C-alpha atoms as a PDB file:
ATOM      1  CA  MET A   1       0.091   0.039   0.327  1.00  0.00           C
ATOM      2  CA  LEU A   2       2.589   2.450   0.686  1.00  0.00           C
ATOM      3  CA  LEU A   3       4.282   1.731  -2.772  1.00  0.00           C
ATOM      4  CA  ASN A   4       1.248   2.230  -4.335  1.00  0.00           C
ATOM      5  CA  LYS A   5       1.026   6.357  -2.576  1.00  0.00           C
ATOM      6  CA  ILE A   6       4.664   6.556  -3.364  1.00  0.00           C
ATOM      7  CA  ASN A   7       3.790   5.594  -7.084  1.00  0.00           C
ATOM      8  CA  LYS A   8       0.730   7.874  -7.199  1.00  0.00           C
ATOM      9  CA  LEU A   9       3.111  10.851  -5.563  1.00  0.00           C
ATOM     10  CA  ASN A  10       5.421  10.245  -8.607  1.00  0.00           C
ATOM     11  CA  ASN A  11       3.068  10.209 -11.229  1.00  0.00           C
ATOM     12  CA  LYS A  12       1.334  14.141  -9.745  1.00  0.00           C
ATOM     13  CA  ILE A  13       5.206  15.718  -9.156  1.00  0.00           C
ATOM     14  CA  ASN A  14       6.121  17.564 -11.776  1.00  0.00           C
ATOM     15  CA  TYR A  15      10.001  16.775 -11.504  1.00  0.00           C
ATOM     16  CA  ASN A  16      12.726  19.132 -13.547  1.00  0.00           C
ATOM     17  CA  THR A  17      12.465  17.182 -17.003  1.00  0.00           C
ATOM     18  CA  ARG A  18      16.915  17.435 -17.776  1.00  0.00           C
ATOM     19  CA  VAL A  19      17.257  14.100 -15.663  1.00  0.00           C
ATOM     20  CA  ARG A  20      14.456  11.689 -17.081  1.00  0.00           C
ATOM     21  CA  GLY A  21      15.186   8.475 -17.920  1.00  0.00           C
ATOM     22  CA  TRP A  22      18.560   8.600 -14.795  1.00  0.00           C
ATOM     23  CA  LEU A  23      19.269   5.747 -13.306  1.00  0.00           C
ATOM     24  CA  LEU A  24      17.626   5.508 -10.221  1.00  0.00           C
ATOM     25  CA  LEU A  25      15.805   9.025 -11.012  1.00  0.00           C
ATOM     26  CA  ASP A  26      12.444   8.528 -13.262  1.00  0.00           C
ATOM     27  CA  SER A  27      10.923   6.682  -9.386  1.00  0.00           C
ATOM     28  CA  TYR A  28      11.314   6.963  -6.345  1.00  0.00           C
ATOM     29  CA  THR A  29      10.323   3.378  -5.232  1.00  0.00           C
ATOM     30  CA  PRO A  30      14.353   2.221  -6.074  1.00  0.00           C
ATOM     31  CA  THR A  31      15.954   5.013  -3.193  1.00  0.00           C
ATOM     32  CA  PHE A  32      12.967   4.508  -0.955  1.00  0.00           C
ATOM     33  CA  LEU A  33      13.119   0.238  -1.094  1.00  0.00           C
ATOM     34  CA  LEU A  34      17.304   0.076  -0.942  1.00  0.00           C
ATOM     35  CA  THR A  35      17.334   2.564   2.536  1.00  0.00           C
ATOM     36  CA  ILE A  36      14.638  -0.249   3.813  1.00  0.00           C
ATOM     37  CA  THR A  37      16.829  -2.620   2.903  1.00  0.00           C
ATOM     38  CA  TYR A  38      19.971  -0.611   4.370  1.00  0.00           C
ATOM     39  CA  LEU A  39      18.431  -0.529   7.470  1.00  0.00           C
ATOM     40  CA  LEU A  40      17.265  -4.169   7.854  1.00  0.00           C
ATOM     41  CA  THR A  41      20.962  -5.047   6.791  1.00  0.00           C
ATOM     42  CA  ILE A  42      22.002  -3.424  10.323  1.00  0.00           C
ATOM     43  CA  TYR A  43      19.246  -4.939  12.209  1.00  0.00           C
ATOM     44  CA  LEU A  44      19.343  -7.926  10.865  1.00  0.00           C
ATOM     45  CA  GLY A  45      22.920  -8.160  10.315  1.00  0.00           C
ATOM     46  CA  THR A  46      24.180  -7.569  13.626  1.00  0.00           C
ATOM     47  CA  LYS A  47      21.852 -10.699  15.097  1.00  0.00           C
ATOM     48  CA  TYR A  48      23.327 -12.589  12.307  1.00  0.00           C
ATOM     49  CA  MET A  49      26.965 -11.377  13.884  1.00  0.00           C
ATOM     50  CA  LYS A  50      26.148 -11.709  17.356  1.00  0.00           C
ATOM     51  CA  ASN A  51      26.916 -14.852  18.105  1.00  0.00           C
ATOM     52  CA  ARG A  52      29.769 -15.795  14.866  1.00  0.00           C
ATOM     53  CA  PRO A  53      33.535 -14.255  14.014  1.00  0.00           C
ATOM     54  CA  ALA A  54      34.412 -11.539  13.077  1.00  0.00           C
ATOM     55  CA  TYR A  55      35.870 -10.251   9.245  1.00  0.00           C
ATOM     56  CA  SER A  56      38.340  -8.329   8.832  1.00  0.00           C
ATOM     57  CA  LEU A  57      38.564  -7.585   6.117  1.00  0.00           C
ATOM     58  CA  LYS A  58      40.850  -5.425   5.759  1.00  0.00           C
ATOM     59  CA  ASN A  59      42.084  -5.910   2.455  1.00  0.00           C
ATOM     60  CA  VAL A  60      38.295  -4.880   1.566  1.00  0.00           C
ATOM     61  CA  LEU A  61      38.190  -2.062   3.322  1.00  0.00           C
ATOM     62  CA  LEU A  62      41.760  -0.474   1.590  1.00  0.00           C
ATOM     63  CA  LEU A  63      40.436  -1.180  -1.644  1.00  0.00           C
ATOM     64  CA  TYR A  64      36.904  -0.156  -0.624  1.00  0.00           C
ATOM     65  CA  ASN A  65      38.598   3.369   0.923  1.00  0.00           C
ATOM     66  CA  LEU A  66      40.847   4.152  -2.107  1.00  0.00           C
ATOM     67  CA  SER A  67      37.769   3.855  -4.888  1.00  0.00           C
ATOM     68  CA  VAL A  68      35.624   5.931  -2.777  1.00  0.00           C
ATOM     69  CA  THR A  69      38.574   8.900  -2.351  1.00  0.00           C
ATOM     70  CA  LEU A  70      39.515   8.645  -6.208  1.00  0.00           C
ATOM     71  CA  LEU A  71      35.387   8.874  -7.061  1.00  0.00           C
ATOM     72  CA  SER A  72      35.114  12.379  -4.421  1.00  0.00           C
ATOM     73  CA  PHE A  73      38.123  13.083  -5.866  1.00  0.00           C
ATOM     74  CA  TYR A  74      36.490  13.169  -9.351  1.00  0.00           C
ATOM     75  CA  MET A  75      33.379  14.855  -8.185  1.00  0.00           C
ATOM     76  CA  LEU A  76      35.578  18.292  -6.325  1.00  0.00           C
ATOM     77  CA  VAL A  77      37.651  18.454 -10.036  1.00  0.00           C
ATOM     78  CA  GLU A  78      34.388  17.817 -11.872  1.00  0.00           C
ATOM     79  CA  LEU A  79      32.151  20.115 -10.267  1.00  0.00           C
ATOM     80  CA  ILE A  80      35.211  23.519 -10.234  1.00  0.00           C
ATOM     81  CA  SER A  81      35.511  22.290 -13.823  1.00  0.00           C
ATOM     82  CA  ALA A  82      32.335  22.816 -14.951  1.00  0.00           C
ATOM     83  CA  VAL A  83      31.108  25.424 -12.468  1.00  0.00           C
ATOM     84  CA  TRP A  84      33.974  27.327 -13.642  1.00  0.00           C
ATOM     85  CA  SER A  85      33.484  26.965 -17.752  1.00  0.00           C
ATOM     86  CA  ALA A  86      29.670  27.477 -16.942  1.00  0.00           C
ATOM     87  CA  GLY A  87      30.342  31.220 -15.241  1.00  0.00           C
ATOM     88  CA  TYR A  88      28.704  29.994 -11.978  1.00  0.00           C
ATOM     89  CA  ARG A  89      28.036  32.717  -8.993  1.00  0.00           C
ATOM     90  CA  LEU A  90      29.162  31.904  -5.939  1.00  0.00           C
ATOM     91  CA  GLN A  91      27.170  33.501  -3.519  1.00  0.00           C
ATOM     92  CA  CYS A  92      23.494  32.340  -5.333  1.00  0.00           C
ATOM     93  CA  GLN A  93      23.160  30.429  -8.849  1.00  0.00           C
ATOM     94  CA  GLY A  94      19.481  29.947 -10.452  1.00  0.00           C
ATOM     95  CA  LEU A  95      18.631  26.576 -11.928  1.00  0.00           C
ATOM     96  CA  TYR A  96      18.280  27.892 -15.461  1.00  0.00           C
ATOM     97  CA  GLU A  97      21.227  30.075 -16.186  1.00  0.00           C
ATOM     98  CA  ALA A  98      23.584  28.991 -17.423  1.00  0.00           C
ATOM     99  CA  GLY A  99      21.674  26.895 -20.290  1.00  0.00           C
ATOM    100  CA  ASP A 100      23.416  23.040 -21.432  1.00  0.00           C
ATOM    101  CA  ALA A 101      25.839  23.621 -18.757  1.00  0.00           C
ATOM    102  CA  ASP A 102      23.751  22.619 -15.972  1.00  0.00           C
ATOM    103  CA  ILE A 103      23.518  19.673 -17.834  1.00  0.00           C
ATOM    104  CA  ARG A 104      27.291  18.618 -16.534  1.00  0.00           C
ATOM    105  CA  VAL A 105      26.837  19.973 -13.715  1.00  0.00           C
ATOM    106  CA  ALA A 106      23.777  17.934 -13.168  1.00  0.00           C
ATOM    107  CA  LYS A 107      25.609  14.560 -14.757  1.00  0.00           C
ATOM    108  CA  VAL A 108      28.379  15.081 -11.805  1.00  0.00           C
ATOM    109  CA  LEU A 109      25.454  15.825  -9.145  1.00  0.00           C
ATOM    110  CA  TRP A 110      24.003  12.669  -9.609  1.00  0.00           C
ATOM    111  CA  TRP A 111      27.278  10.416  -9.264  1.00  0.00           C
ATOM    112  CA  TYR A 112      27.489  12.753  -5.502  1.00  0.00           C
ATOM    113  CA  TYR A 113      23.709  10.770  -5.213  1.00  0.00           C
ATOM    114  CA  PHE A 114      24.604   7.521  -6.120  1.00  0.00           C
ATOM    115  CA  SER A 115      28.003   8.090  -4.122  1.00  0.00           C
ATOM    116  CA  LYS A 116      25.315   8.037  -1.303  1.00  0.00           C
ATOM    117  CA  LEU A 117      24.047   4.466  -2.206  1.00  0.00           C
ATOM    118  CA  ILE A 118      28.305   2.892  -2.404  1.00  0.00           C
ATOM    119  CA  GLU A 119      28.489   4.737   1.321  1.00  0.00           C
ATOM    120  CA  PHE A 120      25.802   2.762   2.979  1.00  0.00           C
ATOM    121  CA  LEU A 121      29.021  -0.428   2.466  1.00  0.00           C
ATOM    122  CA  ASP A 122      30.729   1.906   5.610  1.00  0.00           C
ATOM    123  CA  THR A 123      27.510   0.334   7.821  1.00  0.00           C
ATOM    124  CA  ILE A 124      27.718  -3.011   6.545  1.00  0.00           C
ATOM    125  CA  PHE A 125      31.747  -3.304   6.897  1.00  0.00           C
ATOM    126  CA  ILE A 126      30.781  -2.107  10.832  1.00  0.00           C
ATOM    127  CA  VAL A 127      28.381  -4.670  11.315  1.00  0.00           C
ATOM    128  CA  LEU A 128      31.006  -7.612   9.365  1.00  0.00           C
ATOM    129  CA  ARG A 129      33.249  -6.574  12.074  1.00  0.00           C
ATOM    130  CA  LYS A 130      30.947  -6.642  14.513  1.00  0.00           C
ATOM    131  CA  LYS A 131      31.821  -2.575  16.015  1.00  0.00           C
ATOM    132  CA  ASN A 132      28.302  -2.165  16.723  1.00  0.00           C
ATOM    133  CA  ILE A 133      29.378   0.247  19.327  1.00  0.00           C
ATOM    134  CA  GLN A 134      30.328   2.592  16.228  1.00  0.00           C
ATOM    135  CA  ILE A 135      26.801   2.350  15.087  1.00  0.00           C
ATOM    136  CA  SER A 136      25.480   6.219  16.290  1.00  0.00           C
ATOM    137  CA  LEU A 137      21.880   7.752  15.316  1.00  0.00           C
ATOM    138  CA  LEU A 138      24.392  10.361  13.810  1.00  0.00           C
ATOM    139  CA  HIS A 139      25.705   7.743  11.673  1.00  0.00           C
ATOM    140  CA  VAL A 140      22.697   6.075  10.647  1.00  0.00           C
ATOM    141  CA  TYR A 141      20.503   9.066  10.133  1.00  0.00           C
ATOM    142  CA  HIS A 142      22.970  10.546   8.124  1.00  0.00           C
ATOM    143  CA  HIS A 143      23.179   7.786   5.945  1.00  0.00           C
ATOM    144  CA  ALA A 144      19.799   6.700   5.228  1.00  0.00           C
ATOM    145  CA  SER A 145      18.495  10.566   5.033  1.00  0.00           C
ATOM    146  CA  MET A 146      21.326  11.962   2.721  1.00  0.00           C
ATOM    147  CA  PHE A 147      20.649   9.745  -0.117  1.00  0.00           C
ATOM    148  CA  ASN A 148      17.134  10.205  -0.193  1.00  0.00           C
ATOM    149  CA  ILE A 149      17.753  13.998   0.198  1.00  0.00           C
ATOM    150  CA  TRP A 150      19.947  13.646  -3.091  1.00  0.00           C
ATOM    151  CA  TRP A 151      17.413  12.067  -5.268  1.00  0.00           C
ATOM    152  CA  CYS A 152      14.968  14.795  -4.449  1.00  0.00           C
ATOM    153  CA  VAL A 153      17.789  17.098  -5.317  1.00  0.00           C
ATOM    154  CA  LEU A 154      18.433  15.479  -8.133  1.00  0.00           C
ATOM    155  CA  ASN A 155      14.837  15.446  -9.304  1.00  0.00           C
ATOM    156  CA  TRP A 156      13.435  19.122  -8.036  1.00  0.00           C
ATOM    157  CA  ILE A 157      17.465  21.210  -8.406  1.00  0.00           C
ATOM    158  CA  PRO A 158      19.961  19.393  -9.698  1.00  0.00           C
ATOM    159  CA  CYS A 159      22.214  21.804 -10.500  1.00  0.00           C
ATOM    160  CA  GLY A 160      22.664  25.805  -9.831  1.00  0.00           C
ATOM    161  CA  GLN A 161      23.033  26.337  -6.025  1.00  0.00           C
ATOM    162  CA  SER A 162      22.725  22.931  -5.102  1.00  0.00           C
ATOM    163  CA  PHE A 163      26.573  22.720  -6.389  1.00  0.00           C
ATOM    164  CA  PHE A 164      28.401  24.275  -3.491  1.00  0.00           C
ATOM    165  CA  GLY A 165      27.756  21.511  -0.076  1.00  0.00           C
ATOM    166  CA  PRO A 166      28.658  18.438  -2.724  1.00  0.00           C
ATOM    167  CA  MET A 167      31.872  20.189  -3.863  1.00  0.00           C
ATOM    168  CA  LEU A 168      32.770  21.009  -0.378  1.00  0.00           C
ATOM    169  CA  ASN A 169      31.847  17.347   0.879  1.00  0.00           C
ATOM    170  CA  SER A 170      33.956  16.107  -1.986  1.00  0.00           C
ATOM    171  CA  PHE A 171      36.936  17.349  -1.144  1.00  0.00           C
ATOM    172  CA  ILE A 172      36.111  16.732   2.774  1.00  0.00           C
ATOM    173  CA  HIS A 173      35.350  12.598   1.702  1.00  0.00           C
ATOM    174  CA  ILE A 174      39.446  12.676  -0.319  1.00  0.00           C
ATOM    175  CA  LEU A 175      40.584  13.810   3.093  1.00  0.00           C
ATOM    176  CA  MET A 176      38.667  11.332   4.830  1.00  0.00           C
ATOM    177  CA  TYR A 177      38.847   7.930   2.546  1.00  0.00           C
ATOM    178  CA  SER A 178      42.368   8.519   2.480  1.00  0.00           C
ATOM    179  CA  TYR A 179      42.409   8.806   5.762  1.00  0.00           C
ATOM    180  CA  TYR A 180      40.518   5.669   7.308  1.00  0.00           C
ATOM    181  CA  GLY A 181      42.297   3.733   4.287  1.00  0.00           C
ATOM    182  CA  LEU A 182      45.993   4.392   5.057  1.00  0.00           C
ATOM    183  CA  SER A 183      44.100   3.194   8.899  1.00  0.00           C
ATOM    184  CA  THR A 184      43.985  -0.250   7.225  1.00  0.00           C
ATOM    185  CA  ILE A 185      47.390  -0.407   6.721  1.00  0.00           C
ATOM    186  CA  PRO A 186      49.143  -0.949  10.831  1.00  0.00           C
ATOM    187  CA  SER A 187      52.943   0.655   9.746  1.00  0.00           C
ATOM    188  CA  MET A 188      50.911   3.776   9.237  1.00  0.00           C
ATOM    189  CA  GLN A 189      48.495   4.197  11.594  1.00  0.00           C
ATOM    190  CA  LYS A 190      51.298   5.984  13.789  1.00  0.00           C
ATOM    191  CA  TYR A 191      51.606   8.656  11.635  1.00  0.00           C
ATOM    192  CA  LEU A 192      47.743   9.600  11.818  1.00  0.00           C
ATOM    193  CA  TRP A 193      47.697  12.359  13.999  1.00  0.00           C
ATOM    194  CA  TRP A 194      45.007  15.002  12.401  1.00  0.00           C
ATOM    195  CA  LYS A 195      41.503  12.631  13.000  1.00  0.00           C
ATOM    196  CA  ARG A 196      40.975  15.779  15.266  1.00  0.00           C
ATOM    197  CA  TYR A 197      41.135  18.197  12.688  1.00  0.00           C
ATOM    198  CA  LEU A 198      38.747  15.691   9.812  1.00  0.00           C
ATOM    199  CA  THR A 199      35.947  16.518  12.894  1.00  0.00           C
ATOM    200  CA  GLN A 200      37.011  20.198  13.193  1.00  0.00           C
ATOM    201  CA  ALA A 201      36.868  20.207   9.680  1.00  0.00           C
ATOM    202  CA  GLN A 202      33.801  18.625   8.528  1.00  0.00           C
ATOM    203  CA  LEU A 203      31.804  21.152  11.132  1.00  0.00           C
ATOM    204  CA  VAL A 204      33.650  23.580   9.427  1.00  0.00           C
ATOM    205  CA  GLN A 205      31.959  22.366   6.165  1.00  0.00           C
ATOM    206  CA  PHE A 206      28.419  22.105   7.752  1.00  0.00           C
ATOM    207  CA  VAL A 207      28.907  26.019   8.774  1.00  0.00           C
ATOM    208  CA  LEU A 208      30.198  26.740   5.103  1.00  0.00           C
ATOM    209  CA  THR A 209      27.341  25.477   3.791  1.00  0.00           C
ATOM    210  CA  ILE A 210      24.657  26.907   5.749  1.00  0.00           C
ATOM    211  CA  THR A 211      26.015  30.206   5.253  1.00  0.00           C
ATOM    212  CA  HIS A 212      26.285  29.407   1.639  1.00  0.00           C
ATOM    213  CA  THR A 213      23.001  28.609   1.666  1.00  0.00           C
ATOM    214  CA  VAL A 214      21.103  31.467   3.890  1.00  0.00           C
ATOM    215  CA  SER A 215      23.344  33.820   1.462  1.00  0.00           C
ATOM    216  CA  ALA A 216      20.247  33.416  -1.083  1.00  0.00           C
ATOM    217  CA  TRP A 217      17.613  33.642   1.132  1.00  0.00           C
ATOM    218  CA  ILE A 218      19.113  37.209   1.209  1.00  0.00           C
ATOM    219  CA  LEU A 219      19.946  38.284  -2.264  1.00  0.00           C
ATOM    220  CA  PRO A 220      18.008  35.773  -3.837  1.00  0.00           C
ATOM    221  CA  CYS A 221      18.208  34.432  -7.578  1.00  0.00           C
ATOM    222  CA  GLY A 222      15.342  32.784  -8.167  1.00  0.00           C
ATOM    223  CA  PHE A 223      15.959  29.144  -6.416  1.00  0.00           C
ATOM    224  CA  PRO A 224      13.486  27.425  -4.823  1.00  0.00           C
ATOM    225  CA  LEU A 225      13.134  29.332  -1.003  1.00  0.00           C
ATOM    226  CA  GLY A 226      12.094  26.097   0.031  1.00  0.00           C
ATOM    227  CA  CYS A 227      14.347  24.143  -0.635  1.00  0.00           C
ATOM    228  CA  LEU A 228      16.968  26.455   0.586  1.00  0.00           C
ATOM    229  CA  LYS A 229      14.663  26.166   4.182  1.00  0.00           C
ATOM    230  CA  PHE A 230      15.078  22.219   3.892  1.00  0.00           C
ATOM    231  CA  GLN A 231      18.492  22.291   3.465  1.00  0.00           C
ATOM    232  CA  THR A 232      19.271  24.730   6.241  1.00  0.00           C
ATOM    233  CA  PHE A 233      16.956  23.349   8.850  1.00  0.00           C
ATOM    234  CA  TYR A 234      18.687  19.886   7.923  1.00  0.00           C
ATOM    235  CA  MET A 235      22.635  21.275   7.984  1.00  0.00           C
ATOM    236  CA  VAL A 236      21.506  22.482  11.678  1.00  0.00           C
ATOM    237  CA  THR A 237      20.604  19.218  12.957  1.00  0.00           C
ATOM    238  CA  LEU A 238      23.791  17.369  11.985  1.00  0.00           C
ATOM    239  CA  VAL A 239      25.718  20.928  13.555  1.00  0.00           C
ATOM    240  CA  ILE A 240      24.049  19.491  16.415  1.00  0.00           C
ATOM    241  CA  LEU A 241      24.419  15.660  16.419  1.00  0.00           C
ATOM    242  CA  PHE A 242      27.648  15.877  15.387  1.00  0.00           C
ATOM    243  CA  VAL A 243      28.838  18.412  17.908  1.00  0.00           C
ATOM    244  CA  ASN A 244      27.473  16.349  20.241  1.00  0.00           C
ATOM    245  CA  PHE A 245      29.457  13.506  18.690  1.00  0.00           C
ATOM    246  CA  TYR A 246      32.716  15.583  19.023  1.00  0.00           C
ATOM    247  CA  LEU A 247      32.018  16.685  22.667  1.00  0.00           C
ATOM    248  CA  GLN A 248      31.373  13.066  23.521  1.00  0.00           C
ATOM    249  CA  THR A 249      34.435  11.898  22.000  1.00  0.00           C
ATOM    250  CA  TYR A 250      36.572  14.114  23.160  1.00  0.00           C
ATOM    251  CA  ARG A 251      35.163  14.456  26.238  1.00  0.00           C
ATOM    252  CA  LYS A 252      35.562   9.988  27.138  1.00  0.00           C
ATOM    253  CA  LYS A 253      39.386  10.712  25.711  1.00  0.00           C
ATOM    254  CA  ARG A 254      40.127  13.537  28.127  1.00  0.00           C
ATOM    255  CA  LEU A 255      38.213  11.475  31.241  1.00  0.00           C
ATOM    256  CA  ALA A 256      40.397   8.146  29.928  1.00  0.00           C
ATOM    257  CA  SER A 257      43.999  10.131  30.022  1.00  0.00           C
ATOM    258  CA  ASP A 258      43.308  11.578  33.285  1.00  0.00           C
ATOM    259  CA  ARG A 259      42.293   8.366  34.579  1.00  0.00           C
ATOM    260  CA  MET A 260      45.561   6.170  32.991  1.00  0.00           C
ATOM    261  CA  THR A 261      48.214   9.345  34.220  1.00  0.00           C
ATOM    262  CA  LYS A 262      46.295   9.135  37.537  1.00  0.00           C
ATOM    263  CA  THR A 263      46.824   5.238  37.627  1.00  0.00           C
ATOM    264  CA  GLY A 264      50.761   5.638  36.230  1.00  0.00           C
ATOM    265  CA  GLY A 265      49.051   3.984  32.864  1.00  0.00           C
ATOM    266  CA  ASP A 266      50.155   4.719  29.270  1.00  0.00           C
ATOM    267  CA  PHE A 267      46.959   6.084  27.008  1.00  0.00           C
ATOM    268  CA  LYS A 268      48.685   5.594  24.176  1.00  0.00           C
ATOM    269  CA  ASN A 269      47.609   1.681  24.774  1.00  0.00           C
ATOM    270  CA  ILE A 270      44.617   1.988  24.750  1.00  0.00           C
ATOM    271  CA  ASN A 271      42.296   0.052  21.961  1.00  0.00           C
ATOM    272  CA  HIS A 272      40.895   2.686  19.505  1.00  0.00           C
ATOM    273  CA  SER A 273      37.883   0.483  18.903  1.00  0.00           C
ATOM    274  CA  ASN A 274      36.744   0.477  22.311  1.00  0.00           C
ATOM    275  CA  GLY A 275      34.375   2.999  22.117  1.00  0.00           C
ATOM    276  CA  LEU A 276      36.297   6.015  22.757  1.00  0.00           C
ATOM    277  CA  SER A 277      36.098   6.950  19.025  1.00  0.00           C
ATOM    278  CA  SER A 278      33.595   6.033  16.048  1.00  0.00           C
ATOM    279  CA  SER A 279      33.683   4.666  12.668  1.00  0.00           C
ATOM    280  CA  LEU A 280      32.713   5.265   9.295  1.00  0.00           C
ATOM    281  CA  ASN A 281      33.362   1.969   7.642  1.00  0.00           C
ATOM    282  CA  GLY A 282      34.382   0.107  10.049  1.00  0.00           C
ATOM    283  CA  SER A 283      38.764   1.001  10.310  1.00  0.00           C
ATOM    284  CA  ASP A 284      39.666   1.842  12.935  1.00  0.00           C
ATOM    285  CA  LEU A 285      41.181   4.817  14.105  1.00  0.00           C
ATOM    286  CA  LYS A 286      38.446   7.051  12.670  1.00  0.00           C
ATOM    287  CA  GLN A 287      35.009   8.893  12.561  1.00  0.00           C
ATOM    288  CA  LYS A 288      32.383  10.171  10.716  1.00  0.00           C
ATOM    289  CA  ALA A 289      29.594  12.428  10.435  1.00  0.00           C
ATOM    290  CA  MET A 290      29.419  12.832   6.036  1.00  0.00           C
END
């Protein structure tokens, strides 16, 4: 019954015709079903793995992180090139101002939408490695919502102002996934001192995206105001959840460090997968928001 309602809604909505026929975009049903499958996989997967040994997946994680890093690099370079050649404005760019050049931007944003499906594997790896403490509300909320939100973006606002967030996020993901890939190599872990700065960079990304979005309210260019308001609200929820996550994570680390100091222990020997850090896709020494 729910799928019938979704299909009826699909027929009533006036989508952006420039993306018709693109993979997964003509109907919301595949995106909805893939999201439900993702959530069920988390629930059933943790039950299935409960009494089974954890998988290592080091080689799989190394390949996966390298692949997502390269995809993020492609999206960043192609987005910069596309918006530059199209003469996009930084402050506010309408949906139909660049003509055919908007299609090139939309094609990159389709890859960005599709990358959110690929990133469902982040959580699957956590489940298979039995790092369930890393499956937080922030982690699941972000993964599930982003895939669905970007289906809507591609169908209504697939270019113009929409380019800014993915461009920033692609840059952050290059840093993050390359870090995560290196963290799967034991000999490299002692050099990975910059995890905390990744967390801070993610927060800066959120603030910049909110600022860019709100600026289009102040000096409008015809971009749908409702979409701008929704994006601002959504980004604020991420900021709230992520600041809470950041404070909880580093407060616990600080308390653990103080306890180890008082007892004469070595804080460096604390296991990084003991709940004091979170994870994006199951490899140790890492945390995730975007």
